[in-house]
Amino acid sequence: MLNQLTPKLDAFRSLVQRAGALHSELATLDTAIRNLDTIKARIAECGDEAQVHPLIADLRQAEETVTVKRLREPRLRDELAAIVKDAEFAHFEVMSAIEALLNDLSEAATQPFRELLLSLQPEEDNSKRDNANRVVLKALAPAVLADELYKMLRDAGRVVGVVSGDPYGPAKGLRSSLEITDALLVRLPELHDERKRMTAACEAFRKVLAKG
């Protein structure tokens, strides 16, 4: 399953990085405008006309920079919008793959105890007993850990596609989602370890029970 996830995650990561680069380039227009406004304010505050002349060259260069960046802005915004759209689709594929992986891992991690629990109980149908079993299984360390990872997965989904007044919001949301996803994947080995621990504990219990 991890092998299937890797290319999807790599594609998502690449798109997020491209979106971030465009975001940074577009943000330089805001910086250039602030720089231009600062130069204009300095010129306006000059009490001596002679002090203005050294600032004229800076003013012209700042105006040229703003002009160039404004001419490029529509194309860059179109590119960013297209990349964000692709990244949101890639994000959906990554989230779906991780959810399937979590489902398999969490099921496998609690299965040894589930089998042990059922082996010690009567075989006849009993809804109260089954409900009680589900409560116990949900409280096991592997299940609790899985719930934490599912929450991280939901958090990674919530930050994508949020509508706000920030023109760079989509790129920021994708970056946040990738960071949460990376943090989630770092913790997946914990679930593998919990499965091994649960399997060993249940086997040990069976051996002790057999000896008794």
C-alpha atoms as a PDB file:
ATOM      1  CA  MET A   1       0.000   0.000   0.000  1.00  0.00           C
ATOM      2  CA  LEU A   2       2.858   2.403   0.797  1.00  0.00           C
ATOM      3  CA  ASN A   3       4.309   1.678  -2.638  1.00  0.00           C
ATOM      4  CA  GLN A   4       1.021   2.760  -4.195  1.00  0.00           C
ATOM      5  CA  LEU A   5       0.924   5.895  -2.061  1.00  0.00           C
ATOM      6  CA  THR A   6       4.462   7.103  -2.817  1.00  0.00           C
ATOM      7  CA  PRO A   7       3.955   8.242  -6.444  1.00  0.00           C
ATOM      8  CA  LYS A   8       0.691   9.977  -5.521  1.00  0.00           C
ATOM      9  CA  LEU A   9       2.367  11.755  -2.614  1.00  0.00           C
ATOM     10  CA  ASP A  10       5.339  12.736  -4.805  1.00  0.00           C
ATOM     11  CA  ALA A  11       2.979  14.216  -7.396  1.00  0.00           C
ATOM     12  CA  PHE A  12       1.108  16.144  -4.708  1.00  0.00           C
ATOM     13  CA  ARG A  13       4.348  17.392  -3.151  1.00  0.00           C
ATOM     14  CA  SER A  14       5.651  18.586  -6.530  1.00  0.00           C
ATOM     15  CA  LEU A  15       2.450  20.547  -7.209  1.00  0.00           C
ATOM     16  CA  VAL A  16       2.496  22.078  -3.733  1.00  0.00           C
ATOM     17  CA  GLN A  17       6.093  23.191  -4.271  1.00  0.00           C
ATOM     18  CA  ARG A  18       5.217  24.724  -7.642  1.00  0.00           C
ATOM     19  CA  ALA A  19       2.239  26.520  -6.119  1.00  0.00           C
ATOM     20  CA  GLY A  20       4.469  27.802  -3.334  1.00  0.00           C
ATOM     21  CA  ALA A  21       7.030  29.117  -5.816  1.00  0.00           C
ATOM     22  CA  LEU A  22       4.335  30.998  -7.766  1.00  0.00           C
ATOM     23  CA  HIS A  23       2.869  32.278  -4.516  1.00  0.00           C
ATOM     24  CA  SER A  24       6.284  33.651  -3.538  1.00  0.00           C
ATOM     25  CA  GLU A  25       6.793  35.250  -6.948  1.00  0.00           C
ATOM     26  CA  LEU A  26       3.374  36.905  -6.863  1.00  0.00           C
ATOM     27  CA  ALA A  27       4.030  38.149  -3.346  1.00  0.00           C
ATOM     28  CA  THR A  28       7.059  40.080  -4.637  1.00  0.00           C
ATOM     29  CA  LEU A  29       4.612  42.433  -6.377  1.00  0.00           C
ATOM     30  CA  ASP A  30       3.197  43.427  -2.986  1.00  0.00           C
ATOM     31  CA  THR A  31       6.746  43.992  -1.741  1.00  0.00           C
ATOM     32  CA  ALA A  32       7.611  46.079  -4.804  1.00  0.00           C
ATOM     33  CA  ILE A  33       4.505  48.237  -4.342  1.00  0.00           C
ATOM     34  CA  ARG A  34       5.344  48.823  -0.678  1.00  0.00           C
ATOM     35  CA  ASN A  35       8.896  49.761  -1.669  1.00  0.00           C
ATOM     36  CA  LEU A  36       7.576  52.223  -4.269  1.00  0.00           C
ATOM     37  CA  ASP A  37       5.189  53.790  -1.745  1.00  0.00           C
ATOM     38  CA  THR A  38       8.051  54.133   0.741  1.00  0.00           C
ATOM     39  CA  ILE A  39      10.205  55.993  -1.804  1.00  0.00           C
ATOM     40  CA  LYS A  40       7.310  58.287  -2.692  1.00  0.00           C
ATOM     41  CA  ALA A  41       6.755  59.045   0.985  1.00  0.00           C
ATOM     42  CA  ARG A  42      10.452  59.822   1.469  1.00  0.00           C
ATOM     43  CA  ILE A  43      10.364  62.212  -1.483  1.00  0.00           C
ATOM     44  CA  ALA A  44       7.248  63.918  -0.132  1.00  0.00           C
ATOM     45  CA  GLU A  45       8.891  64.401   3.261  1.00  0.00           C
ATOM     46  CA  CYS A  46      12.073  65.927   1.878  1.00  0.00           C
ATOM     47  CA  GLY A  47      12.428  69.522   3.019  1.00  0.00           C
ATOM     48  CA  ASP A  48      15.178  70.313   0.541  1.00  0.00           C
ATOM     49  CA  GLU A  49      14.737  69.727  -3.185  1.00  0.00           C
ATOM     50  CA  ALA A  50      18.394  68.761  -3.419  1.00  0.00           C
ATOM     51  CA  GLN A  51      17.656  65.748  -1.244  1.00  0.00           C
ATOM     52  CA  VAL A  52      15.054  64.578  -3.737  1.00  0.00           C
ATOM     53  CA  HIS A  53      17.402  64.058  -6.683  1.00  0.00           C
ATOM     54  CA  PRO A  54      19.224  61.001  -5.263  1.00  0.00           C
ATOM     55  CA  LEU A  55      15.812  59.369  -4.731  1.00  0.00           C
ATOM     56  CA  ILE A  56      14.619  59.921  -8.322  1.00  0.00           C
ATOM     57  CA  ALA A  57      16.695  57.032  -9.668  1.00  0.00           C
ATOM     58  CA  ASP A  58      15.333  54.779  -6.927  1.00  0.00           C
ATOM     59  CA  LEU A  59      11.795  55.941  -7.777  1.00  0.00           C
ATOM     60  CA  ARG A  60      12.182  55.159 -11.484  1.00  0.00           C
ATOM     61  CA  GLN A  61      13.663  51.743 -10.806  1.00  0.00           C
ATOM     62  CA  ALA A  62      10.886  50.944  -8.318  1.00  0.00           C
ATOM     63  CA  GLU A  63       8.229  52.064 -10.826  1.00  0.00           C
ATOM     64  CA  GLU A  64       9.768  49.873 -13.543  1.00  0.00           C
ATOM     65  CA  THR A  65       9.841  46.909 -11.173  1.00  0.00           C
ATOM     66  CA  VAL A  66       6.163  47.363 -10.266  1.00  0.00           C
ATOM     67  CA  THR A  67       5.201  47.790 -13.934  1.00  0.00           C
ATOM     68  CA  VAL A  68       6.968  44.591 -14.991  1.00  0.00           C
ATOM     69  CA  LYS A  69       5.512  42.603 -12.130  1.00  0.00           C
ATOM     70  CA  ARG A  70       1.998  43.897 -12.799  1.00  0.00           C
ATOM     71  CA  LEU A  71       2.282  42.919 -16.470  1.00  0.00           C
ATOM     72  CA  ARG A  72       3.324  39.393 -15.466  1.00  0.00           C
ATOM     73  CA  GLU A  73       0.761  39.083 -12.662  1.00  0.00           C
ATOM     74  CA  PRO A  74      -2.278  37.866 -14.713  1.00  0.00           C
ATOM     75  CA  ARG A  75      -0.276  35.044 -16.300  1.00  0.00           C
ATOM     76  CA  LEU A  76       1.204  34.004 -12.974  1.00  0.00           C
ATOM     77  CA  ARG A  77      -2.207  34.017 -11.303  1.00  0.00           C
ATOM     78  CA  ASP A  78      -3.639  31.859 -14.092  1.00  0.00           C
ATOM     79  CA  GLU A  79      -0.732  29.428 -13.672  1.00  0.00           C
ATOM     80  CA  LEU A  80      -1.250  29.365  -9.915  1.00  0.00           C
ATOM     81  CA  ALA A  81      -4.980  28.703 -10.283  1.00  0.00           C
ATOM     82  CA  ALA A  82      -4.316  25.802 -12.679  1.00  0.00           C
ATOM     83  CA  ILE A  83      -1.687  24.279 -10.395  1.00  0.00           C
ATOM     84  CA  VAL A  84      -3.915  24.650  -7.342  1.00  0.00           C
ATOM     85  CA  LYS A  85      -6.691  22.839  -9.187  1.00  0.00           C
ATOM     86  CA  ASP A  86      -4.350  19.965 -10.081  1.00  0.00           C
ATOM     87  CA  ALA A  87      -2.954  19.918  -6.549  1.00  0.00           C
ATOM     88  CA  GLU A  88      -6.423  19.697  -5.005  1.00  0.00           C
ATOM     89  CA  PHE A  89      -7.186  16.654  -7.163  1.00  0.00           C
ATOM     90  CA  ALA A  90      -3.824  15.096  -6.249  1.00  0.00           C
ATOM     91  CA  HIS A  91      -4.590  15.867  -2.614  1.00  0.00           C
ATOM     92  CA  PHE A  92      -7.863  13.944  -2.852  1.00  0.00           C
ATOM     93  CA  GLU A  93      -6.033  10.910  -4.240  1.00  0.00           C
ATOM     94  CA  VAL A  94      -3.451  11.050  -1.448  1.00  0.00           C
ATOM     95  CA  MET A  95      -6.106  11.397   1.260  1.00  0.00           C
ATOM     96  CA  SER A  96      -8.066   8.456  -0.179  1.00  0.00           C
ATOM     97  CA  ALA A  97      -4.970   6.272  -0.301  1.00  0.00           C
ATOM     98  CA  ILE A  98      -3.963   7.159   3.279  1.00  0.00           C
ATOM     99  CA  GLU A  99      -7.492   6.505   4.542  1.00  0.00           C
ATOM    100  CA  ALA A 100      -7.479   3.044   2.945  1.00  0.00           C
ATOM    101  CA  LEU A 101      -4.053   2.379   4.464  1.00  0.00           C
ATOM    102  CA  LEU A 102      -5.230   3.488   7.905  1.00  0.00           C
ATOM    103  CA  ASN A 103      -8.310   1.294   7.624  1.00  0.00           C
ATOM    104  CA  ASP A 104      -6.178  -1.753   6.897  1.00  0.00           C
ATOM    105  CA  LEU A 105      -3.608  -0.996   9.579  1.00  0.00           C
ATOM    106  CA  SER A 106      -6.090  -0.199  12.341  1.00  0.00           C
ATOM    107  CA  GLU A 107      -8.094  -3.331  11.538  1.00  0.00           C
ATOM    108  CA  ALA A 108      -4.960  -5.491  11.548  1.00  0.00           C
ATOM    109  CA  ALA A 109      -3.687  -3.915  14.773  1.00  0.00           C
ATOM    110  CA  THR A 110      -6.786  -4.837  16.797  1.00  0.00           C
ATOM    111  CA  GLN A 111      -7.576  -8.138  15.056  1.00  0.00           C
ATOM    112  CA  PRO A 112      -5.434 -10.350  17.378  1.00  0.00           C
ATOM    113  CA  PHE A 113      -7.270  -9.093  20.465  1.00  0.00           C
ATOM    114  CA  ARG A 114     -10.642  -9.296  18.705  1.00  0.00           C
ATOM    115  CA  GLU A 115     -10.002 -12.956  17.889  1.00  0.00           C
ATOM    116  CA  LEU A 116      -8.819 -13.648  21.438  1.00  0.00           C
ATOM    117  CA  LEU A 117     -11.871 -11.947  22.915  1.00  0.00           C
ATOM    118  CA  LEU A 118     -14.269 -13.939  20.726  1.00  0.00           C
ATOM    119  CA  SER A 119     -12.492 -17.207  21.478  1.00  0.00           C
ATOM    120  CA  LEU A 120     -13.211 -16.731  25.185  1.00  0.00           C
ATOM    121  CA  GLN A 121     -16.901 -16.024  24.703  1.00  0.00           C
ATOM    122  CA  PRO A 122     -19.936 -18.189  23.890  1.00  0.00           C
ATOM    123  CA  GLU A 123     -20.654 -18.552  20.202  1.00  0.00           C
ATOM    124  CA  GLU A 124     -24.360 -17.730  20.341  1.00  0.00           C
ATOM    125  CA  ASP A 125     -25.553 -14.353  19.108  1.00  0.00           C
ATOM    126  CA  ASN A 126     -25.593 -11.697  21.791  1.00  0.00           C
ATOM    127  CA  SER A 127     -25.960  -8.053  20.734  1.00  0.00           C
ATOM    128  CA  LYS A 128     -25.073  -6.681  24.183  1.00  0.00           C
ATOM    129  CA  ARG A 129     -21.879  -8.697  24.227  1.00  0.00           C
ATOM    130  CA  ASP A 130     -20.992  -7.578  20.697  1.00  0.00           C
ATOM    131  CA  ASN A 131     -21.579  -3.925  21.619  1.00  0.00           C
ATOM    132  CA  ALA A 132     -19.427  -4.373  24.718  1.00  0.00           C
ATOM    133  CA  ASN A 133     -16.681  -5.924  22.592  1.00  0.00           C
ATOM    134  CA  ARG A 134     -16.711  -2.927  20.282  1.00  0.00           C
ATOM    135  CA  VAL A 135     -16.315  -0.576  23.249  1.00  0.00           C
ATOM    136  CA  VAL A 136     -13.334  -2.578  24.518  1.00  0.00           C
ATOM    137  CA  LEU A 137     -11.689  -2.754  21.092  1.00  0.00           C
ATOM    138  CA  LYS A 138     -12.116   0.985  20.582  1.00  0.00           C
ATOM    139  CA  ALA A 139     -10.267   1.638  23.837  1.00  0.00           C
ATOM    140  CA  LEU A 140      -7.223  -0.438  22.886  1.00  0.00           C
ATOM    141  CA  ALA A 141      -3.989   1.478  22.333  1.00  0.00           C
ATOM    142  CA  PRO A 142      -3.857   0.672  18.565  1.00  0.00           C
ATOM    143  CA  ALA A 143      -7.427   1.925  18.109  1.00  0.00           C
ATOM    144  CA  VAL A 144      -6.728   5.104  20.085  1.00  0.00           C
ATOM    145  CA  LEU A 145      -3.619   5.747  17.994  1.00  0.00           C
ATOM    146  CA  ALA A 146      -5.579   5.114  14.802  1.00  0.00           C
ATOM    147  CA  ASP A 147      -8.188   7.671  15.918  1.00  0.00           C
ATOM    148  CA  GLU A 148      -5.424  10.243  16.366  1.00  0.00           C
ATOM    149  CA  LEU A 149      -4.159   9.560  12.853  1.00  0.00           C
ATOM    150  CA  TYR A 150      -7.683   9.757  11.420  1.00  0.00           C
ATOM    151  CA  LYS A 151      -8.026  13.179  13.074  1.00  0.00           C
ATOM    152  CA  MET A 152      -4.797  14.315  11.429  1.00  0.00           C
ATOM    153  CA  LEU A 153      -6.165  13.043   8.120  1.00  0.00           C
ATOM    154  CA  ARG A 154      -9.338  15.096   8.602  1.00  0.00           C
ATOM    155  CA  ASP A 155      -7.266  18.158   9.513  1.00  0.00           C
ATOM    156  CA  ALA A 156      -5.220  17.716   6.334  1.00  0.00           C
ATOM    157  CA  GLY A 157      -8.461  17.721   4.359  1.00  0.00           C
ATOM    158  CA  ARG A 158     -10.025  20.737   6.057  1.00  0.00           C
ATOM    159  CA  VAL A 159      -7.286  23.213   5.151  1.00  0.00           C
ATOM    160  CA  VAL A 160      -7.602  22.598   1.398  1.00  0.00           C
ATOM    161  CA  GLY A 161     -10.116  24.548  -0.677  1.00  0.00           C
ATOM    162  CA  VAL A 162     -10.998  27.004   2.102  1.00  0.00           C
ATOM    163  CA  VAL A 163     -12.492  30.201   0.675  1.00  0.00           C
ATOM    164  CA  SER A 164     -11.007  33.365   2.187  1.00  0.00           C
ATOM    165  CA  GLY A 165     -10.063  36.885   1.271  1.00  0.00           C
ATOM    166  CA  ASP A 166      -6.407  35.925   1.057  1.00  0.00           C
ATOM    167  CA  PRO A 167      -5.418  35.645  -2.625  1.00  0.00           C
ATOM    168  CA  TYR A 168      -2.660  33.255  -1.608  1.00  0.00           C
ATOM    169  CA  GLY A 169      -4.944  31.205   0.630  1.00  0.00           C
ATOM    170  CA  PRO A 170      -5.171  28.144  -1.666  1.00  0.00           C
ATOM    171  CA  ALA A 171      -1.379  27.799  -1.885  1.00  0.00           C
ATOM    172  CA  LYS A 172      -1.046  28.214   1.889  1.00  0.00           C
ATOM    173  CA  GLY A 173      -3.770  25.625   2.494  1.00  0.00           C
ATOM    174  CA  LEU A 174      -2.050  23.094   0.279  1.00  0.00           C
ATOM    175  CA  ARG A 175       1.247  23.664   2.073  1.00  0.00           C
ATOM    176  CA  SER A 176      -0.438  23.167   5.464  1.00  0.00           C
ATOM    177  CA  SER A 177      -2.095  19.979   4.224  1.00  0.00           C
ATOM    178  CA  LEU A 178       1.236  18.584   3.026  1.00  0.00           C
ATOM    179  CA  GLU A 179       2.854  19.363   6.380  1.00  0.00           C
ATOM    180  CA  ILE A 180       0.074  17.565   8.267  1.00  0.00           C
ATOM    181  CA  THR A 181       0.242  14.634   5.839  1.00  0.00           C
ATOM    182  CA  ASP A 182       4.006  14.290   6.306  1.00  0.00           C
ATOM    183  CA  ALA A 183       3.548  14.375  10.086  1.00  0.00           C
ATOM    184  CA  LEU A 184       0.867  11.679   9.822  1.00  0.00           C
ATOM    185  CA  LEU A 185       3.025   9.393   7.696  1.00  0.00           C
ATOM    186  CA  VAL A 186       5.919   9.717  10.161  1.00  0.00           C
ATOM    187  CA  ARG A 187       3.624   8.195  12.798  1.00  0.00           C
ATOM    188  CA  LEU A 188       2.424   5.232  10.721  1.00  0.00           C
ATOM    189  CA  PRO A 189       5.248   2.968  11.990  1.00  0.00           C
ATOM    190  CA  GLU A 190       3.769   3.410  15.478  1.00  0.00           C
ATOM    191  CA  LEU A 191       0.671   1.603  14.284  1.00  0.00           C
ATOM    192  CA  HIS A 192       2.802  -1.193  12.836  1.00  0.00           C
ATOM    193  CA  ASP A 193       4.550  -1.493  16.197  1.00  0.00           C
ATOM    194  CA  GLU A 194       1.229  -1.600  18.037  1.00  0.00           C
ATOM    195  CA  ARG A 195       0.076  -4.447  15.797  1.00  0.00           C
ATOM    196  CA  LYS A 196       3.216  -6.438  16.600  1.00  0.00           C
ATOM    197  CA  ARG A 197       2.849  -5.717  20.305  1.00  0.00           C
ATOM    198  CA  MET A 198      -0.803  -6.753  20.334  1.00  0.00           C
ATOM    199  CA  THR A 199      -0.072  -9.963  18.420  1.00  0.00           C
ATOM    200  CA  ALA A 200       2.717 -10.900  20.839  1.00  0.00           C
ATOM    201  CA  ALA A 201       0.611 -10.071  23.917  1.00  0.00           C
ATOM    202  CA  CYS A 202      -2.325 -12.163  22.744  1.00  0.00           C
ATOM    203  CA  GLU A 203      -0.054 -15.082  21.878  1.00  0.00           C
ATOM    204  CA  ALA A 204       1.538 -14.877  25.322  1.00  0.00           C
ATOM    205  CA  PHE A 205      -1.904 -14.897  26.923  1.00  0.00           C
ATOM    206  CA  ARG A 206      -2.905 -17.999  24.968  1.00  0.00           C
ATOM    207  CA  LYS A 207       0.248 -19.819  26.069  1.00  0.00           C
ATOM    208  CA  VAL A 208      -0.302 -18.971  29.737  1.00  0.00           C
ATOM    209  CA  LEU A 209      -3.955 -19.968  29.481  1.00  0.00           C
ATOM    210  CA  ALA A 210      -3.011 -23.286  27.857  1.00  0.00           C
ATOM    211  CA  LYS A 211      -0.567 -24.085  30.650  1.00  0.00           C
ATOM    212  CA  GLY A 212      -3.179 -23.392  33.297  1.00  0.00           C
END
